[in-house]
Amino acid sequence: PYPIFWLPDQRLAYTEKQQNSLQPYLIRPDGTGRERLNVPFPTASIMNVLPDGRIVVHDGSNSYVVNPDGSDLTYFPLGGTTISPGGTRAGSSGGIFDLAGNWLVQFTYAPCNTSCYFSHEVLWSPDEEYIAFTRVLDYLSGSTIYELYLTKTDGSQTMPTLISSRFGSYNFTYSFSSDSRYMAYSDVFEGTAFYTYIRNLEAGTEMTIPAEVAVTQGGWR
C-alpha cells in the first residue's frame, strides 16, 4: 500500500496503481474533487507533503517538489525521506538532512552480504529525538528477513540499533507515544499481530503485551 497525506487545505494526496503505472491524485475527504496531480510524468507516486503544502513526487528515477496546482515543479533531493514534525529536518535510513538536502547525521551499518533494501516507512518520535524504520534482506535461497531499527537523531548515535528481526512473511508496525517516552511495535504475520512490545526509550527495556493488541502504524493506541 502507498501512504496517504493531508494537504493544508484538507484535501488528500495519494497514489493509485493503474495497470502498469502509478498515478498521483488529489481528492476531498467527502470523495469529491478527485483529480490527477498536474505533473508531466507518465507514472509518478506521491512520496510526501512538506509543511508548506508542496507535494513530493517520484517519477521512478528522481524526486520533485510541486505545488498542488502543478506549478513550480523543481528537483527535490529528499524524496525518500520523512519530514520531522517541526518541519525543519528530514530523516531516512541513511541519516538526517536539512531541507536543502545537506547531511546533518549519516548512519552506518554492518555490511549487507545479500540483497537488501530499506523501506520508506521512516517514523519520527514527536519530540524528534528518535526515528524508526525497517530493512528487508532477500537471500538467494528465497529466505527473507525483516529488520526493525531505532536510532537517535542528534548525531550521538551513527549506527542504528537493531530492535528486532524476523524470518519469512513477517513485517512490523511501530509507533511512538505522544510524550516520546515509549515505542510500541508488533510482529505482523500475514496481517495478524503475533507479539506486541512496549519499549522504554530512555531505559532501553521492553515488556510484552497480549498479541491481540496490535499497533497501528504511525498512531498510538
Protein backbone atom coordinates (compact mmCIF):
# COMPACT_ATOMS: atom_id res chain seq x y z
CA PRO A 1 0.00 0.00 0.00
CA TYR A 2 1.02 3.59 -0.67
CA PRO A 3 0.73 6.28 2.03
CA ILE A 4 -1.97 8.96 2.08
CA PHE A 5 -1.11 12.54 3.01
CA TRP A 6 -3.19 15.51 4.17
CA LEU A 7 -2.72 18.87 2.47
CA PRO A 8 -3.11 22.14 4.42
CA ASP A 9 -6.40 22.76 2.56
CA GLN A 10 -7.68 19.41 3.95
CA ARG A 11 -7.53 17.55 0.66
CA LEU A 12 -5.86 14.16 0.46
CA ALA A 13 -2.86 13.32 -1.74
CA TYR A 14 -2.41 9.66 -2.63
CA THR A 15 -1.08 7.22 -5.24
CA GLU A 16 -3.22 4.93 -7.38
CA LYS A 17 -1.91 1.82 -9.10
CA GLN A 18 -3.36 1.70 -12.60
CA GLN A 19 -2.38 -1.25 -14.79
CA ASN A 20 1.37 -0.80 -15.30
CA SER A 21 1.75 2.69 -13.85
CA LEU A 22 1.44 4.69 -10.65
CA GLN A 23 -0.65 7.85 -10.72
CA PRO A 24 -0.73 10.76 -8.20
CA TYR A 25 -4.18 12.04 -7.22
CA LEU A 26 -5.83 14.65 -5.02
CA ILE A 27 -9.31 14.31 -3.52
CA ARG A 28 -11.51 15.92 -0.86
CA PRO A 29 -12.41 13.87 2.24
CA ASP A 30 -16.03 13.57 1.04
CA GLY A 31 -14.88 11.93 -2.21
CA THR A 32 -15.44 14.93 -4.45
CA GLY A 33 -12.90 16.89 -6.50
CA ARG A 34 -10.80 13.89 -7.50
CA GLU A 35 -8.10 14.99 -9.93
CA ARG A 36 -4.69 13.83 -11.10
CA LEU A 37 -1.82 15.94 -9.82
CA ASN A 38 -0.67 18.01 -12.81
CA VAL A 39 2.87 16.71 -13.34
CA PRO A 40 4.42 15.84 -16.75
CA PHE A 41 5.30 12.23 -15.95
CA PRO A 42 3.55 9.14 -17.36
CA THR A 43 3.97 7.46 -13.98
CA ALA A 44 4.55 9.10 -10.61
CA SER A 45 3.93 8.38 -6.95
CA ILE A 46 3.40 10.77 -4.05
CA MET A 47 6.21 10.42 -1.52
CA ASN A 48 5.49 13.20 0.95
CA VAL A 49 3.84 16.53 1.64
CA LEU A 50 6.02 19.33 3.04
CA PRO A 51 4.84 21.60 5.88
CA ASP A 52 4.21 24.42 3.38
CA GLY A 53 1.85 22.19 1.35
CA ARG A 54 4.14 21.37 -1.56
CA ILE A 55 3.96 17.76 -2.73
CA VAL A 56 6.95 15.47 -3.26
CA VAL A 57 6.53 13.13 -6.24
CA HIS A 58 8.79 10.42 -7.64
CA ASP A 59 8.83 9.59 -11.35
CA GLY A 60 10.64 6.26 -10.97
CA SER A 61 14.09 7.82 -11.24
CA ASN A 62 14.09 11.19 -9.44
CA SER A 63 12.06 13.12 -6.90
CA TYR A 64 10.49 16.52 -7.45
CA VAL A 65 8.51 19.01 -5.40
CA VAL A 66 5.46 20.73 -6.86
CA ASN A 67 2.57 22.91 -5.73
CA PRO A 68 -0.86 21.24 -5.54
CA ASP A 69 -1.92 23.12 -8.69
CA GLY A 70 1.06 21.70 -10.61
CA SER A 71 3.12 24.89 -10.66
CA ASP A 72 6.80 25.35 -9.78
CA LEU A 73 7.94 21.79 -10.42
CA THR A 74 11.57 21.51 -9.22
CA TYR A 75 14.05 18.74 -8.43
CA PHE A 76 13.98 17.65 -4.78
CA PRO A 77 16.94 15.83 -3.18
CA LEU A 78 14.97 14.34 -0.26
CA GLY A 79 12.35 12.21 -1.96
CA GLY A 80 12.89 9.06 0.10
CA THR A 81 12.70 10.81 3.45
CA THR A 82 10.15 11.72 6.09
CA ILE A 83 9.93 15.32 7.25
CA SER A 84 10.27 15.89 11.00
CA PRO A 85 7.18 17.03 12.97
CA GLY A 86 8.63 20.53 13.26
CA GLY A 87 9.25 20.70 9.53
CA THR A 88 12.95 21.60 9.80
CA ARG A 89 14.70 18.27 9.14
CA ALA A 90 14.23 15.14 7.05
CA GLY A 91 15.01 11.58 8.12
CA SER A 92 15.78 8.42 6.19
CA SER A 93 17.53 5.10 6.77
CA GLY A 94 20.67 6.85 5.51
CA GLY A 95 20.66 9.69 8.00
CA ILE A 96 19.29 13.10 8.89
CA PHE A 97 19.26 16.06 6.47
CA ASP A 98 18.30 19.68 6.43
CA LEU A 99 15.61 20.59 3.91
CA ALA A 100 18.23 21.64 1.34
CA GLY A 101 19.48 18.05 1.25
CA ASN A 102 22.67 18.55 3.27
CA TRP A 103 23.76 15.78 5.66
CA LEU A 104 23.37 16.51 9.36
CA VAL A 105 23.92 12.92 10.55
CA GLN A 106 24.97 9.97 8.36
CA PHE A 107 24.23 6.44 9.58
CA THR A 108 26.44 3.37 9.15
CA TYR A 109 25.56 -0.34 9.16
CA ALA A 110 27.20 -3.72 9.28
CA PRO A 111 27.97 -4.97 5.73
CA CYS A 112 24.98 -6.34 3.86
CA ASN A 113 26.07 -9.64 2.30
CA THR A 114 22.88 -10.16 0.33
CA SER A 115 20.21 -8.19 -1.49
CA CYS A 116 18.86 -5.67 1.00
CA TYR A 117 16.83 -2.51 0.88
CA PHE A 118 15.23 -0.09 3.33
CA SER A 119 11.58 0.82 3.46
CA HIS A 120 10.36 4.42 3.21
CA GLU A 121 8.34 3.98 6.42
CA VAL A 122 10.55 6.26 8.49
CA LEU A 123 8.74 7.36 11.66
CA TRP A 124 9.81 10.31 13.84
CA SER A 125 9.10 10.47 17.56
CA PRO A 126 7.01 13.56 18.44
CA ASP A 127 9.98 15.22 20.18
CA GLU A 128 12.18 14.45 17.11
CA GLU A 129 14.83 12.67 19.23
CA TYR A 130 14.32 9.27 17.52
CA ILE A 131 13.40 7.72 14.21
CA ALA A 132 12.39 4.12 13.49
CA PHE A 133 12.40 2.25 10.16
CA THR A 134 12.66 -1.24 8.65
CA ARG A 135 15.12 -3.06 6.40
CA VAL A 136 14.45 -6.13 4.25
CA LEU A 137 17.12 -8.73 3.39
CA ASP A 138 16.42 -11.12 0.50
CA TYR A 139 18.69 -14.16 0.23
CA LEU A 140 19.32 -16.23 -2.92
CA SER A 141 17.84 -19.22 -1.09
CA GLY A 142 14.49 -17.45 -1.08
CA SER A 143 14.57 -16.60 2.61
CA THR A 144 13.62 -13.09 3.67
CA ILE A 145 14.49 -11.28 6.89
CA TYR A 146 12.69 -8.17 8.12
CA GLU A 147 14.62 -5.91 10.50
CA LEU A 148 13.37 -3.08 12.68
CA TYR A 149 15.79 -0.26 13.58
CA LEU A 150 15.69 2.59 16.09
CA THR A 151 18.17 5.44 16.34
CA LYS A 152 18.72 8.87 17.85
CA THR A 153 18.76 11.87 15.53
CA ASP A 154 21.15 14.24 17.32
CA GLY A 155 24.36 12.68 15.98
CA SER A 156 25.23 10.86 19.22
CA GLN A 157 24.39 7.54 17.53
CA THR A 158 25.60 6.85 13.99
CA MET A 159 24.90 3.09 13.91
CA PRO A 160 21.16 2.46 14.34
CA THR A 161 20.09 -0.13 16.93
CA LEU A 162 18.61 -3.35 15.57
CA ILE A 163 15.48 -3.80 17.70
CA SER A 164 14.07 -6.99 16.18
CA SER A 165 14.39 -9.27 13.15
CA ARG A 166 12.02 -11.90 11.77
CA PHE A 167 12.18 -14.52 9.01
CA GLY A 168 9.60 -15.22 6.34
CA SER A 169 6.34 -13.40 5.87
CA TYR A 170 6.66 -11.20 8.97
CA ASN A 171 6.78 -7.44 8.98
CA PHE A 172 6.48 -4.75 11.63
CA THR A 173 4.15 -1.95 12.59
CA TYR A 174 5.53 0.61 15.02
CA SER A 175 4.61 3.83 16.77
CA PHE A 176 5.81 6.34 19.38
CA SER A 177 3.79 7.53 22.35
CA SER A 178 2.69 11.17 22.31
CA ASP A 179 5.19 12.02 25.09
CA SER A 180 8.04 10.27 23.20
CA ARG A 181 8.87 8.08 26.22
CA TYR A 182 7.87 4.80 24.63
CA MET A 183 7.87 2.96 21.32
CA ALA A 184 5.41 0.15 20.58
CA TYR A 185 5.90 -2.38 17.82
CA SER A 186 4.16 -5.51 16.62
CA ASP A 187 5.36 -8.57 14.74
CA VAL A 188 2.85 -8.94 11.93
CA PHE A 189 2.39 -12.20 10.00
CA GLU A 190 0.00 -12.04 7.02
CA GLY A 191 -1.95 -9.23 8.65
CA THR A 192 -2.09 -10.73 12.16
CA ALA A 193 -0.09 -9.38 15.10
CA PHE A 194 1.56 -12.25 16.96
CA TYR A 195 3.60 -10.32 19.51
CA THR A 196 3.48 -6.69 20.60
CA TYR A 197 6.15 -4.94 22.66
CA ILE A 198 6.42 -1.66 24.55
CA ARG A 199 9.96 -0.25 24.69
CA ASN A 200 11.07 2.36 27.23
CA LEU A 201 13.30 4.57 25.10
CA GLU A 202 15.34 6.03 27.94
CA ALA A 203 15.93 2.77 29.81
CA GLY A 204 16.08 0.51 26.74
CA THR A 205 13.82 -2.05 28.45
CA GLU A 206 10.83 -3.83 26.94
CA MET A 207 7.63 -5.51 28.06
CA THR A 208 5.29 -7.77 26.08
CA ILE A 209 1.55 -7.15 25.87
CA PRO A 210 -1.12 -9.59 24.57
CA ALA A 211 -0.82 -10.46 20.90
CA GLU A 212 -4.36 -9.34 20.09
CA VAL A 213 -3.37 -5.76 21.00
CA ALA A 214 -1.86 -4.55 17.73
CA VAL A 215 -0.01 -1.34 17.00
CA THR A 216 -1.45 0.97 14.38
CA GLN A 217 1.29 2.25 12.08
CA GLY A 218 2.07 5.86 12.93
CA GLY A 219 -0.52 6.07 15.71
CA TRP A 220 -0.51 5.25 19.42
CA ARG A 221 -3.38 3.04 20.68
